[in-house]
Amino acid sequence: MAPCVEWIRRTMLQLCCPNKPFCWATHISMAIGLLIFVNVLVIFVPNIKDIFGFIGATTAPSLIFILPGIFYIRLIPHTQEPVKSRPKILAFMFSGLGFVFMFGSISLIIQKWMTGNSPDMKGH
């Protein structure tokens, strides 16, 4: 089995059933399901540019906007700085802006996939 599918399978097993003992039926069904999913992606995705665009649209806002704001909110104790303080409210807004960028980018990518052309971007 491909190493990346093996890592994904282990992660999925830990997420779906963390306290269950090892079971061959679960192991095999998860591996087969992941292999089918990967093969369907390979068959139906026309080129790698679409995959890179989708990955970039999700990871860039996460790394730039969402994660720093959430880390700030979680790491600064409530005793040192209350939730309704100005910096934490700005961190919430910063993370929210990241979600807006992410969903906006993903919606444009999906629109391009469905229509077959890119939205009208005059001058670009």
PDB file of N, CA and C in Angstrom:
ATOM      1  N   MET A   1       0.855  -1.181   0.000  1.00  0.00           N
ATOM      2  CA  MET A   1       0.000   0.000   0.000  1.00  0.00           C
ATOM      3  C   MET A   1       0.897   1.239   0.000  1.00  0.00           C
ATOM      4  N   ALA A   2       0.463   2.264  -0.655  1.00  0.00           N
ATOM      5  CA  ALA A   2       1.239   3.505  -0.739  1.00  0.00           C
ATOM      6  C   ALA A   2       1.412   4.096   0.655  1.00  0.00           C
ATOM      7  N   PRO A   3       2.594   4.661   0.951  1.00  0.00           N
ATOM      8  CA  PRO A   3       2.831   5.209   2.294  1.00  0.00           C
ATOM      9  C   PRO A   3       1.848   6.310   2.682  1.00  0.00           C
ATOM     10  N   CYS A   4       1.485   7.194   1.746  1.00  0.00           N
ATOM     11  CA  CYS A   4       0.585   8.287   2.105  1.00  0.00           C
ATOM     12  C   CYS A   4      -0.796   7.751   2.463  1.00  0.00           C
ATOM     13  N   VAL A   5      -1.267   6.718   1.758  1.00  0.00           N
ATOM     14  CA  VAL A   5      -2.562   6.128   2.094  1.00  0.00           C
ATOM     15  C   VAL A   5      -2.488   5.461   3.464  1.00  0.00           C
ATOM     16  N   GLU A   6      -1.353   4.866   3.781  1.00  0.00           N
ATOM     17  CA  GLU A   6      -1.171   4.237   5.098  1.00  0.00           C
ATOM     18  C   GLU A   6      -1.240   5.273   6.217  1.00  0.00           C
ATOM     19  N   TRP A   7      -0.597   6.427   6.043  1.00  0.00           N
ATOM     20  CA  TRP A   7      -0.644   7.471   7.068  1.00  0.00           C
ATOM     21  C   TRP A   7      -2.051   8.027   7.225  1.00  0.00           C
ATOM     22  N   ILE A   8      -2.730   8.230   6.094  1.00  0.00           N
ATOM     23  CA  ILE A   8      -4.098   8.740   6.153  1.00  0.00           C
ATOM     24  C   ILE A   8      -5.003   7.727   6.845  1.00  0.00           C
ATOM     25  N   ARG A   9      -4.814   6.434   6.541  1.00  0.00           N
ATOM     26  CA  ARG A   9      -5.619   5.397   7.163  1.00  0.00           C
ATOM     27  C   ARG A   9      -5.428   5.376   8.672  1.00  0.00           C
ATOM     28  N   ARG A  10      -4.185   5.460   9.117  1.00  0.00           N
ATOM     29  CA  ARG A  10      -3.918   5.491  10.571  1.00  0.00           C
ATOM     30  C   ARG A  10      -4.571   6.701  11.231  1.00  0.00           C
ATOM     31  N   THR A  11      -4.461   7.842  10.594  1.00  0.00           N
ATOM     32  CA  THR A  11      -5.071   9.053  11.146  1.00  0.00           C
ATOM     33  C   THR A  11      -6.581   8.930  11.199  1.00  0.00           C
ATOM     34  N   MET A  12      -7.182   8.433  10.126  1.00  0.00           N
ATOM     35  CA  MET A  12      -8.637   8.262  10.104  1.00  0.00           C
ATOM     36  C   MET A  12      -9.094   7.275  11.175  1.00  0.00           C
ATOM     37  N   LEU A  13      -8.354   6.189  11.366  1.00  0.00           N
ATOM     38  CA  LEU A  13      -8.712   5.232  12.404  1.00  0.00           C
ATOM     39  C   LEU A  13      -8.645   5.861  13.788  1.00  0.00           C
ATOM     40  N   GLN A  14      -7.625   6.690  14.027  1.00  0.00           N
ATOM     41  CA  GLN A  14      -7.522   7.339  15.334  1.00  0.00           C
ATOM     42  C   GLN A  14      -8.608   8.381  15.533  1.00  0.00           C
ATOM     43  N   LEU A  15      -9.030   9.065  14.467  1.00  0.00           N
ATOM     44  CA  LEU A  15     -10.097  10.049  14.587  1.00  0.00           C
ATOM     45  C   LEU A  15     -11.462   9.392  14.765  1.00  0.00           C
ATOM     46  N   CYS A  16     -11.718   8.340  13.989  1.00  0.00           N
ATOM     47  CA  CYS A  16     -13.046   7.717  14.005  1.00  0.00           C
ATOM     48  C   CYS A  16     -13.261   6.806  15.202  1.00  0.00           C
ATOM     49  N   CYS A  17     -12.280   6.025  15.550  1.00  0.00           N
ATOM     50  CA  CYS A  17     -12.448   5.081  16.664  1.00  0.00           C
ATOM     51  C   CYS A  17     -11.162   5.007  17.480  1.00  0.00           C
ATOM     52  N   PRO A  18     -10.892   6.038  18.318  1.00  0.00           N
ATOM     53  CA  PRO A  18      -9.617   6.082  19.039  1.00  0.00           C
ATOM     54  C   PRO A  18      -9.498   5.038  20.153  1.00  0.00           C
ATOM     55  N   ASN A  19     -10.610   4.646  20.762  1.00  0.00           N
ATOM     56  CA  ASN A  19     -10.543   3.753  21.918  1.00  0.00           C
ATOM     57  C   ASN A  19     -10.832   2.301  21.568  1.00  0.00           C
ATOM     58  N   LYS A  20     -11.129   2.024  20.316  1.00  0.00           N
ATOM     59  CA  LYS A  20     -11.426   0.654  19.913  1.00  0.00           C
ATOM     60  C   LYS A  20     -10.132  -0.120  19.681  1.00  0.00           C
ATOM     61  N   PRO A  21     -10.114  -1.396  20.031  1.00  0.00           N
ATOM     62  CA  PRO A  21      -8.919  -2.201  19.736  1.00  0.00           C
ATOM     63  C   PRO A  21      -8.808  -2.457  18.236  1.00  0.00           C
ATOM     64  N   PHE A  22      -7.642  -2.912  17.834  1.00  0.00           N
ATOM     65  CA  PHE A  22      -7.380  -3.175  16.420  1.00  0.00           C
ATOM     66  C   PHE A  22      -8.351  -4.220  15.896  1.00  0.00           C
ATOM     67  N   CYS A  23      -8.900  -3.929  14.699  1.00  0.00           N
ATOM     68  CA  CYS A  23      -9.839  -4.852  14.062  1.00  0.00           C
ATOM     69  C   CYS A  23      -9.491  -4.909  12.577  1.00  0.00           C
ATOM     70  N   TRP A  24      -9.272  -6.120  12.065  1.00  0.00           N
ATOM     71  CA  TRP A  24      -8.896  -6.272  10.668  1.00  0.00           C
ATOM     72  C   TRP A  24      -9.976  -5.768   9.723  1.00  0.00           C
ATOM     73  N   ALA A  25     -11.240  -5.978  10.071  1.00  0.00           N
ATOM     74  CA  ALA A  25     -12.327  -5.542   9.190  1.00  0.00           C
ATOM     75  C   ALA A  25     -12.318  -4.025   9.034  1.00  0.00           C
ATOM     76  N   THR A  26     -12.147  -3.301  10.141  1.00  0.00           N
ATOM     77  CA  THR A  26     -12.085  -1.840  10.084  1.00  0.00           C
ATOM     78  C   THR A  26     -10.856  -1.386   9.304  1.00  0.00           C
ATOM     79  N   HIS A  27      -9.734  -2.020   9.561  1.00  0.00           N
ATOM     80  CA  HIS A  27      -8.477  -1.689   8.891  1.00  0.00           C
ATOM     81  C   HIS A  27      -8.615  -1.861   7.372  1.00  0.00           C
ATOM     82  N   ILE A  28      -9.125  -2.985   6.947  1.00  0.00           N
ATOM     83  CA  ILE A  28      -9.235  -3.276   5.525  1.00  0.00           C
ATOM     84  C   ILE A  28     -10.280  -2.389   4.849  1.00  0.00           C
ATOM     85  N   SER A  29     -11.420  -2.197   5.503  1.00  0.00           N
ATOM     86  CA  SER A  29     -12.460  -1.355   4.896  1.00  0.00           C
ATOM     87  C   SER A  29     -11.998   0.097   4.771  1.00  0.00           C
ATOM     88  N   MET A  30     -11.282   0.606   5.758  1.00  0.00           N
ATOM     89  CA  MET A  30     -10.762   1.966   5.687  1.00  0.00           C
ATOM     90  C   MET A  30      -9.734   2.082   4.567  1.00  0.00           C
ATOM     91  N   ALA A  31      -8.849   1.102   4.434  1.00  0.00           N
ATOM     92  CA  ALA A  31      -7.834   1.133   3.381  1.00  0.00           C
ATOM     93  C   ALA A  31      -8.483   1.063   1.997  1.00  0.00           C
ATOM     94  N   ILE A  32      -9.464   0.189   1.821  1.00  0.00           N
ATOM     95  CA  ILE A  32     -10.134   0.073   0.529  1.00  0.00           C
ATOM     96  C   ILE A  32     -10.894   1.356   0.198  1.00  0.00           C
ATOM     97  N   GLY A  33     -11.577   1.914   1.184  1.00  0.00           N
ATOM     98  CA  GLY A  33     -12.300   3.168   0.957  1.00  0.00           C
ATOM     99  C   GLY A  33     -11.377   4.297   0.544  1.00  0.00           C
ATOM    100  N   LEU A  34     -10.227   4.412   1.196  1.00  0.00           N
ATOM    101  CA  LEU A  34      -9.271   5.456   0.837  1.00  0.00           C
ATOM    102  C   LEU A  34      -8.677   5.234  -0.559  1.00  0.00           C
ATOM    103  N   LEU A  35      -8.382   4.001  -0.898  1.00  0.00           N
ATOM    104  CA  LEU A  35      -7.853   3.717  -2.232  1.00  0.00           C
ATOM    105  C   LEU A  35      -8.885   4.031  -3.312  1.00  0.00           C
ATOM    106  N   ILE A  36     -10.144   3.719  -3.061  1.00  0.00           N
ATOM    107  CA  ILE A  36     -11.197   4.051  -4.023  1.00  0.00           C
ATOM    108  C   ILE A  36     -11.311   5.558  -4.176  1.00  0.00           C
ATOM    109  N   PHE A  37     -11.284   6.299  -3.052  1.00  0.00           N
ATOM    110  CA  PHE A  37     -11.374   7.756  -3.098  1.00  0.00           C
ATOM    111  C   PHE A  37     -10.214   8.356  -3.889  1.00  0.00           C
ATOM    112  N   VAL A  38      -8.993   7.885  -3.644  1.00  0.00           N
ATOM    113  CA  VAL A  38      -7.822   8.404  -4.353  1.00  0.00           C
ATOM    114  C   VAL A  38      -7.920   8.084  -5.844  1.00  0.00           C
ATOM    115  N   ASN A  39      -8.358   6.896  -6.195  1.00  0.00           N
ATOM    116  CA  ASN A  39      -8.489   6.535  -7.610  1.00  0.00           C
ATOM    117  C   ASN A  39      -9.562   7.367  -8.301  1.00  0.00           C
ATOM    118  N   VAL A  40     -10.671   7.641  -7.634  1.00  0.00           N
ATOM    119  CA  VAL A  40     -11.712   8.490  -8.214  1.00  0.00           C
ATOM    120  C   VAL A  40     -11.168   9.895  -8.455  1.00  0.00           C
ATOM    121  N   LEU A  41     -10.382  10.423  -7.502  1.00  0.00           N
ATOM    122  CA  LEU A  41      -9.766  11.736  -7.710  1.00  0.00           C
ATOM    123  C   LEU A  41      -8.838  11.731  -8.915  1.00  0.00           C
ATOM    124  N   VAL A  42      -8.025  10.703  -9.029  1.00  0.00           N
ATOM    125  CA  VAL A  42      -7.087  10.621 -10.150  1.00  0.00           C
ATOM    126  C   VAL A  42      -7.830  10.558 -11.478  1.00  0.00           C
ATOM    127  N   ILE A  43      -8.935   9.863 -11.514  1.00  0.00           N
ATOM    128  CA  ILE A  43      -9.683   9.713 -12.759  1.00  0.00           C
ATOM    129  C   ILE A  43     -10.398  11.004 -13.144  1.00  0.00           C
ATOM    130  N   PHE A  44     -11.018  11.684 -12.179  1.00  0.00           N
ATOM    131  CA  PHE A  44     -11.891  12.801 -12.515  1.00  0.00           C
ATOM    132  C   PHE A  44     -11.250  14.177 -12.470  1.00  0.00           C
ATOM    133  N   VAL A  45     -10.099  14.339 -11.841  1.00  0.00           N
ATOM    134  CA  VAL A  45      -9.446  15.654 -11.812  1.00  0.00           C
ATOM    135  C   VAL A  45      -8.644  15.816 -13.092  1.00  0.00           C
ATOM    136  N   PRO A  46      -8.949  16.854 -13.898  1.00  0.00           N
ATOM    137  CA  PRO A  46      -8.316  16.967 -15.217  1.00  0.00           C
ATOM    138  C   PRO A  46      -6.822  17.271 -15.163  1.00  0.00           C
ATOM    139  N   ASN A  47      -6.386  18.104 -14.225  1.00  0.00           N
ATOM    140  CA  ASN A  47      -4.956  18.380 -14.136  1.00  0.00           C
ATOM    141  C   ASN A  47      -4.588  18.745 -12.703  1.00  0.00           C
ATOM    142  N   ILE A  48      -3.307  18.716 -12.433  1.00  0.00           N
ATOM    143  CA  ILE A  48      -2.806  18.923 -11.075  1.00  0.00           C
ATOM    144  C   ILE A  48      -2.955  20.372 -10.636  1.00  0.00           C
ATOM    145  N   LYS A  49      -3.105  21.286 -11.599  1.00  0.00           N
ATOM    146  CA  LYS A  49      -3.270  22.703 -11.266  1.00  0.00           C
ATOM    147  C   LYS A  49      -4.503  22.919 -10.389  1.00  0.00           C
ATOM    148  N   ASP A  50      -5.569  22.186 -10.656  1.00  0.00           N
ATOM    149  CA  ASP A  50      -6.786  22.319  -9.858  1.00  0.00           C
ATOM    150  C   ASP A  50      -6.562  21.869  -8.413  1.00  0.00           C
ATOM    151  N   ILE A  51      -5.828  20.790  -8.250  1.00  0.00           N
ATOM    152  CA  ILE A  51      -5.541  20.298  -6.897  1.00  0.00           C
ATOM    153  C   ILE A  51      -4.677  21.304  -6.150  1.00  0.00           C
ATOM    154  N   PHE A  52      -3.634  21.826  -6.786  1.00  0.00           N
ATOM    155  CA  PHE A  52      -2.781  22.815  -6.128  1.00  0.00           C
ATOM    156  C   PHE A  52      -3.561  24.084  -5.789  1.00  0.00           C
ATOM    157  N   GLY A  53      -4.470  24.496  -6.665  1.00  0.00           N
ATOM    158  CA  GLY A  53      -5.295  25.667  -6.377  1.00  0.00           C
ATOM    159  C   GLY A  53      -6.186  25.451  -5.167  1.00  0.00           C
ATOM    160  N   PHE A  54      -6.793  24.282  -5.064  1.00  0.00           N
ATOM    161  CA  PHE A  54      -7.667  23.980  -3.936  1.00  0.00           C
ATOM    162  C   PHE A  54      -6.866  23.888  -2.633  1.00  0.00           C
ATOM    163  N   ILE A  55      -5.720  23.248  -2.682  1.00  0.00           N
ATOM    164  CA  ILE A  55      -4.875  23.137  -1.484  1.00  0.00           C
ATOM    165  C   ILE A  55      -4.372  24.518  -1.067  1.00  0.00           C
ATOM    166  N   GLY A  56      -3.981  25.338  -2.026  1.00  0.00           N
ATOM    167  CA  GLY A  56      -3.527  26.693  -1.704  1.00  0.00           C
ATOM    168  C   GLY A  56      -4.636  27.554  -1.135  1.00  0.00           C
ATOM    169  N   ALA A  57      -5.856  27.381  -1.649  1.00  0.00           N
ATOM    170  CA  ALA A  57      -6.991  28.172  -1.159  1.00  0.00           C
ATOM    171  C   ALA A  57      -7.376  27.804   0.258  1.00  0.00           C
ATOM    172  N   THR A  58      -7.046  26.605   0.685  1.00  0.00           N
ATOM    173  CA  THR A  58      -7.385  26.209   2.050  1.00  0.00           C
ATOM    174  C   THR A  58      -6.228  26.413   3.026  1.00  0.00           C
ATOM    175  N   THR A  59      -4.998  26.136   2.604  1.00  0.00           N
ATOM    176  CA  THR A  59      -3.894  26.223   3.557  1.00  0.00           C
ATOM    177  C   THR A  59      -3.373  27.643   3.764  1.00  0.00           C
ATOM    178  N   ALA A  60      -3.335  28.456   2.730  1.00  0.00           N
ATOM    179  CA  ALA A  60      -2.785  29.809   2.882  1.00  0.00           C
ATOM    180  C   ALA A  60      -3.587  30.649   3.888  1.00  0.00           C
ATOM    181  N   PRO A  61      -4.911  30.734   3.771  1.00  0.00           N
ATOM    182  CA  PRO A  61      -5.636  31.498   4.801  1.00  0.00           C
ATOM    183  C   PRO A  61      -5.517  30.886   6.185  1.00  0.00           C
ATOM    184  N   SER A  62      -5.415  29.555   6.243  1.00  0.00           N
ATOM    185  CA  SER A  62      -5.262  28.913   7.550  1.00  0.00           C
ATOM    186  C   SER A  62      -3.951  29.326   8.208  1.00  0.00           C
ATOM    187  N   LEU A  63      -2.870  29.290   7.445  1.00  0.00           N
ATOM    188  CA  LEU A  63      -1.560  29.613   8.010  1.00  0.00           C
ATOM    189  C   LEU A  63      -1.383  31.103   8.276  1.00  0.00           C
ATOM    190  N   ILE A  64      -1.979  31.946   7.450  1.00  0.00           N
ATOM    191  CA  ILE A  64      -1.753  33.387   7.571  1.00  0.00           C
ATOM    192  C   ILE A  64      -2.741  34.056   8.519  1.00  0.00           C
ATOM    193  N   PHE A  65      -4.015  33.671   8.469  1.00  0.00           N
ATOM    194  CA  PHE A  65      -5.043  34.363   9.228  1.00  0.00           C
ATOM    195  C   PHE A  65      -5.631  33.544  10.372  1.00  0.00           C
ATOM    196  N   ILE A  66      -6.078  32.326  10.089  1.00  0.00           N
ATOM    197  CA  ILE A  66      -6.891  31.586  11.043  1.00  0.00           C
ATOM    198  C   ILE A  66      -6.071  31.078  12.226  1.00  0.00           C
ATOM    199  N   LEU A  67      -5.013  30.336  11.964  1.00  0.00           N
ATOM    200  CA  LEU A  67      -4.250  29.722  13.050  1.00  0.00           C
ATOM    201  C   LEU A  67      -3.602  30.729  13.998  1.00  0.00           C
ATOM    202  N   PRO A  68      -2.982  31.817  13.515  1.00  0.00           N
ATOM    203  CA  PRO A  68      -2.416  32.768  14.488  1.00  0.00           C
ATOM    204  C   PRO A  68      -3.470  33.359  15.424  1.00  0.00           C
ATOM    205  N   GLY A  69      -4.641  33.706  14.888  1.00  0.00           N
ATOM    206  CA  GLY A  69      -5.691  34.253  15.740  1.00  0.00           C
ATOM    207  C   GLY A  69      -6.183  33.248  16.762  1.00  0.00           C
ATOM    208  N   ILE A  70      -6.396  32.016  16.324  1.00  0.00           N
ATOM    209  CA  ILE A  70      -6.872  30.985  17.250  1.00  0.00           C
ATOM    210  C   ILE A  70      -5.804  30.652  18.278  1.00  0.00           C
ATOM    211  N   PHE A  71      -4.549  30.586  17.873  1.00  0.00           N
ATOM    212  CA  PHE A  71      -3.477  30.330  18.838  1.00  0.00           C
ATOM    213  C   PHE A  71      -3.418  31.434  19.887  1.00  0.00           C
ATOM    214  N   TYR A  72      -3.556  32.682  19.460  1.00  0.00           N
ATOM    215  CA  TYR A  72      -3.524  33.792  20.414  1.00  0.00           C
ATOM    216  C   TYR A  72      -4.671  33.670  21.421  1.00  0.00           C
ATOM    217  N   ILE A  73      -5.848  33.357  20.912  1.00  0.00           N
ATOM    218  CA  ILE A  73      -7.013  33.248  21.792  1.00  0.00           C
ATOM    219  C   ILE A  73      -6.823  32.115  22.791  1.00  0.00           C
ATOM    220  N   ARG A  74      -6.284  30.982  22.332  1.00  0.00           N
ATOM    221  CA  ARG A  74      -6.148  29.810  23.209  1.00  0.00           C
ATOM    222  C   ARG A  74      -4.943  29.907  24.145  1.00  0.00           C
ATOM    223  N   LEU A  75      -3.857  30.544  23.712  1.00  0.00           N
ATOM    224  CA  LEU A  75      -2.636  30.527  24.517  1.00  0.00           C
ATOM    225  C   LEU A  75      -2.601  31.591  25.608  1.00  0.00           C
ATOM    226  N   ILE A  76      -3.246  32.723  25.399  1.00  0.00           N
ATOM    227  CA  ILE A  76      -3.266  33.768  26.428  1.00  0.00           C
ATOM    228  C   ILE A  76      -4.367  33.415  27.423  1.00  0.00           C
ATOM    229  N   PRO A  77      -4.011  33.228  28.690  1.00  0.00           N
ATOM    230  CA  PRO A  77      -5.013  32.805  29.676  1.00  0.00           C
ATOM    231  C   PRO A  77      -6.109  33.862  29.877  1.00  0.00           C
ATOM    232  N   HIS A  78      -7.299  33.376  30.243  1.00  0.00           N
ATOM    233  CA  HIS A  78      -8.425  34.276  30.482  1.00  0.00           C
ATOM    234  C   HIS A  78      -8.174  35.183  31.682  1.00  0.00           C
ATOM    235  N   THR A  79      -7.352  34.721  32.627  1.00  0.00           N
ATOM    236  CA  THR A  79      -7.045  35.558  33.791  1.00  0.00           C
ATOM    237  C   THR A  79      -6.154  36.737  33.414  1.00  0.00           C
ATOM    238  N   GLN A  80      -5.252  36.522  32.456  1.00  0.00           N
ATOM    239  CA  GLN A  80      -4.358  37.598  32.019  1.00  0.00           C
ATOM    240  C   GLN A  80      -5.076  38.571  31.094  1.00  0.00           C
ATOM    241  N   GLU A  81      -5.939  38.039  30.244  1.00  0.00           N
ATOM    242  CA  GLU A  81      -6.644  38.882  29.284  1.00  0.00           C
ATOM    243  C   GLU A  81      -8.034  38.277  29.045  1.00  0.00           C
ATOM    244  N   PRO A  82      -9.098  38.990  29.415  1.00  0.00           N
ATOM    245  CA  PRO A  82     -10.444  38.424  29.246  1.00  0.00           C
ATOM    246  C   PRO A  82     -10.815  38.265  27.775  1.00  0.00           C
ATOM    247  N   VAL A  83     -11.820  37.434  27.529  1.00  0.00           N
ATOM    248  CA  VAL A  83     -12.243  37.143  26.161  1.00  0.00           C
ATOM    249  C   VAL A  83     -12.761  38.392  25.461  1.00  0.00           C
ATOM    250  N   LYS A  84     -13.379  39.297  26.207  1.00  0.00           N
ATOM    251  CA  LYS A  84     -13.952  40.502  25.591  1.00  0.00           C
ATOM    252  C   LYS A  84     -12.964  41.657  25.504  1.00  0.00           C
ATOM    253  N   SER A  85     -11.679  41.376  25.689  1.00  0.00           N
ATOM    254  CA  SER A  85     -10.679  42.435  25.556  1.00  0.00           C
ATOM    255  C   SER A  85     -10.449  42.742  24.076  1.00  0.00           C
ATOM    256  N   ARG A  86      -9.901  43.907  23.822  1.00  0.00           N
ATOM    257  CA  ARG A  86      -9.703  44.350  22.442  1.00  0.00           C
ATOM    258  C   ARG A  86      -8.793  43.417  21.646  1.00  0.00           C
ATOM    259  N   PRO A  87      -7.635  42.978  22.171  1.00  0.00           N
ATOM    260  CA  PRO A  87      -6.777  42.084  21.373  1.00  0.00           C
ATOM    261  C   PRO A  87      -7.447  40.758  21.021  1.00  0.00           C
ATOM    262  N   LYS A  88      -8.220  40.193  21.952  1.00  0.00           N
ATOM    263  CA  LYS A  88      -8.859  38.912  21.643  1.00  0.00           C
ATOM    264  C   LYS A  88     -10.008  39.098  20.659  1.00  0.00           C
ATOM    265  N   ILE A  89     -10.717  40.201  20.731  1.00  0.00           N
ATOM    266  CA  ILE A  89     -11.771  40.480  19.750  1.00  0.00           C
ATOM    267  C   ILE A  89     -11.152  40.657  18.364  1.00  0.00           C
ATOM    268  N   LEU A  90     -10.017  41.346  18.298  1.00  0.00           N
ATOM    269  CA  LEU A  90      -9.322  41.501  17.019  1.00  0.00           C
ATOM    270  C   LEU A  90      -8.816  40.160  16.498  1.00  0.00           C
ATOM    271  N   ALA A  91      -8.384  39.269  17.398  1.00  0.00           N
ATOM    272  CA  ALA A  91      -7.940  37.941  16.979  1.00  0.00           C
ATOM    273  C   ALA A  91      -9.115  37.148  16.408  1.00  0.00           C
ATOM    274  N   PHE A  92     -10.296  37.248  17.036  1.00  0.00           N
ATOM    275  CA  PHE A  92     -11.498  36.610  16.487  1.00  0.00           C
ATOM    276  C   PHE A  92     -11.800  37.150  15.093  1.00  0.00           C
ATOM    277  N   MET A  93     -11.721  38.468  14.932  1.00  0.00           N
ATOM    278  CA  MET A  93     -12.019  39.088  13.644  1.00  0.00           C
ATOM    279  C   MET A  93     -10.984  38.666  12.582  1.00  0.00           C
ATOM    280  N   PHE A  94      -9.721  38.579  12.991  1.00  0.00           N
ATOM    281  CA  PHE A  94      -8.645  38.158  12.093  1.00  0.00           C
ATOM    282  C   PHE A  94      -8.897  36.730  11.606  1.00  0.00           C
ATOM    283  N   SER A  95      -9.275  35.852  12.527  1.00  0.00           N
ATOM    284  CA  SER A  95      -9.585  34.469  12.143  1.00  0.00           C
ATOM    285  C   SER A  95     -10.820  34.416  11.247  1.00  0.00           C
ATOM    286  N   GLY A  96     -11.827  35.214  11.566  1.00  0.00           N
ATOM    287  CA  GLY A  96     -13.026  35.256  10.735  1.00  0.00           C
ATOM    288  C   GLY A  96     -12.724  35.732   9.328  1.00  0.00           C
ATOM    289  N   LEU A  97     -11.833  36.713   9.206  1.00  0.00           N
ATOM    290  CA  LEU A  97     -11.426  37.195   7.890  1.00  0.00           C
ATOM    291  C   LEU A  97     -10.738  36.082   7.093  1.00  0.00           C
ATOM    292  N   GLY A  98      -9.963  35.246   7.784  1.00  0.00           N
ATOM    293  CA  GLY A  98      -9.341  34.105   7.121  1.00  0.00           C
ATOM    294  C   GLY A  98     -10.366  33.139   6.569  1.00  0.00           C
ATOM    295  N   PHE A  99     -11.432  32.880   7.341  1.00  0.00           N
ATOM    296  CA  PHE A  99     -12.490  32.002   6.853  1.00  0.00           C
ATOM    297  C   PHE A  99     -13.205  32.621   5.651  1.00  0.00           C
ATOM    298  N   VAL A 100     -13.399  33.944   5.668  1.00  0.00           N
ATOM    299  CA  VAL A 100     -14.030  34.615   4.527  1.00  0.00           C
ATOM    300  C   VAL A 100     -13.162  34.453   3.276  1.00  0.00           C
ATOM    301  N   PHE A 101     -11.849  34.659   3.418  1.00  0.00           N
ATOM    302  CA  PHE A 101     -10.942  34.495   2.280  1.00  0.00           C
ATOM    303  C   PHE A 101     -10.948  33.049   1.786  1.00  0.00           C
ATOM    304  N   MET A 102     -10.933  32.099   2.725  1.00  0.00           N
ATOM    305  CA  MET A 102     -10.892  30.701   2.350  1.00  0.00           C
ATOM    306  C   MET A 102     -12.148  30.302   1.569  1.00  0.00           C
ATOM    307  N   PHE A 103     -13.313  30.627   2.112  1.00  0.00           N
ATOM    308  CA  PHE A 103     -14.549  30.244   1.432  1.00  0.00           C
ATOM    309  C   PHE A 103     -14.743  31.007   0.126  1.00  0.00           C
ATOM    310  N   GLY A 104     -14.275  32.255   0.071  1.00  0.00           N
ATOM    311  CA  GLY A 104     -14.339  32.996  -1.184  1.00  0.00           C
ATOM    312  C   GLY A 104     -13.474  32.367  -2.256  1.00  0.00           C
ATOM    313  N   SER A 105     -12.256  31.979  -1.891  1.00  0.00           N
ATOM    314  CA  SER A 105     -11.355  31.340  -2.861  1.00  0.00           C
ATOM    315  C   SER A 105     -11.888  29.994  -3.312  1.00  0.00           C
ATOM    316  N   ILE A 106     -12.387  29.200  -2.359  1.00  0.00           N
ATOM    317  CA  ILE A 106     -12.911  27.885  -2.714  1.00  0.00           C
ATOM    318  C   ILE A 106     -14.135  28.028  -3.616  1.00  0.00           C
ATOM    319  N   SER A 107     -14.992  29.000  -3.328  1.00  0.00           N
ATOM    320  CA  SER A 107     -16.183  29.171  -4.167  1.00  0.00           C
ATOM    321  C   SER A 107     -15.803  29.587  -5.590  1.00  0.00           C
ATOM    322  N   LEU A 108     -14.775  30.415  -5.746  1.00  0.00           N
ATOM    323  CA  LEU A 108     -14.325  30.781  -7.096  1.00  0.00           C
ATOM    324  C   LEU A 108     -13.732  29.583  -7.836  1.00  0.00           C
ATOM    325  N   ILE A 109     -13.010  28.737  -7.111  1.00  0.00           N
ATOM    326  CA  ILE A 109     -12.444  27.541  -7.736  1.00  0.00           C
ATOM    327  C   ILE A 109     -13.552  26.600  -8.174  1.00  0.00           C
ATOM    328  N   ILE A 110     -14.539  26.384  -7.301  1.00  0.00           N
ATOM    329  CA  ILE A 110     -15.654  25.499  -7.651  1.00  0.00           C
ATOM    330  C   ILE A 110     -16.458  26.082  -8.807  1.00  0.00           C
ATOM    331  N   GLN A 111     -16.632  27.411  -8.819  1.00  0.00           N
ATOM    332  CA  GLN A 111     -17.338  28.044  -9.945  1.00  0.00           C
ATOM    333  C   GLN A 111     -16.581  27.799 -11.243  1.00  0.00           C
ATOM    334  N   LYS A 112     -15.272  27.888 -11.204  1.00  0.00           N
ATOM    335  CA  LYS A 112     -14.466  27.639 -12.401  1.00  0.00           C
ATOM    336  C   LYS A 112     -14.612  26.195 -12.850  1.00  0.00           C
ATOM    337  N   TRP A 113     -14.626  25.264 -11.892  1.00  0.00           N
ATOM    338  CA  TRP A 113     -14.783  23.857 -12.240  1.00  0.00           C
ATOM    339  C   TRP A 113     -16.141  23.600 -12.886  1.00  0.00           C
ATOM    340  N   MET A 114     -17.183  24.234 -12.368  1.00  0.00           N
ATOM    341  CA  MET A 114     -18.539  23.966 -12.855  1.00  0.00           C
ATOM    342  C   MET A 114     -18.796  24.620 -14.216  1.00  0.00           C
ATOM    343  N   THR A 115     -18.269  25.821 -14.417  1.00  0.00           N
ATOM    344  CA  THR A 115     -18.536  26.528 -15.669  1.00  0.00           C
ATOM    345  C   THR A 115     -17.484  26.248 -16.733  1.00  0.00           C
ATOM    346  N   GLY A 116     -16.317  25.828 -16.329  1.00  0.00           N
ATOM    347  CA  GLY A 116     -15.270  25.539 -17.293  1.00  0.00           C
ATOM    348  C   GLY A 116     -14.418  26.735 -17.647  1.00  0.00           C
ATOM    349  N   ASN A 117     -14.730  27.894 -17.085  1.00  0.00           N
ATOM    350  CA  ASN A 117     -13.897  29.072 -17.334  1.00  0.00           C
ATOM    351  C   ASN A 117     -13.751  29.861 -16.045  1.00  0.00           C
ATOM    352  N   SER A 118     -12.802  30.765 -16.044  1.00  0.00           N
ATOM    353  CA  SER A 118     -12.572  31.566 -14.847  1.00  0.00           C
ATOM    354  C   SER A 118     -13.509  32.764 -14.842  1.00  0.00           C
ATOM    355  N   PRO A 119     -13.810  33.309 -13.630  1.00  0.00           N
ATOM    356  CA  PRO A 119     -14.647  34.490 -13.582  1.00  0.00           C
ATOM    357  C   PRO A 119     -13.984  35.671 -14.285  1.00  0.00           C
ATOM    358  N   ASP A 120     -14.772  36.617 -14.724  1.00  0.00           N
ATOM    359  CA  ASP A 120     -14.274  37.763 -15.480  1.00  0.00           C
ATOM    360  C   ASP A 120     -13.375  38.618 -14.591  1.00  0.00           C
ATOM    361  N   MET A 121     -12.078  38.631 -14.904  1.00  0.00           N
ATOM    362  CA  MET A 121     -11.100  39.402 -14.144  1.00  0.00           C
ATOM    363  C   MET A 121     -10.432  40.364 -15.122  1.00  0.00           C
ATOM    364  N   LYS A 122     -11.043  41.499 -15.357  1.00  0.00           N
ATOM    365  CA  LYS A 122     -10.521  42.447 -16.335  1.00  0.00           C
ATOM    366  C   LYS A 122      -9.199  43.019 -15.855  1.00  0.00           C
ATOM    367  N   GLY A 123      -8.239  42.982 -16.726  1.00  0.00           N
ATOM    368  CA  GLY A 123      -6.934  43.546 -16.409  1.00  0.00           C
ATOM    369  C   GLY A 123      -5.988  42.592 -15.741  1.00  0.00           C
ATOM    370  N   HIS A 124      -6.395  41.332 -15.532  1.00  0.00           N
ATOM    371  CA  HIS A 124      -5.523  40.365 -14.890  1.00  0.00           C
ATOM    372  C   HIS A 124      -5.221  39.234 -15.817  1.00  0.00           C
TER     373      HIS A 124
END
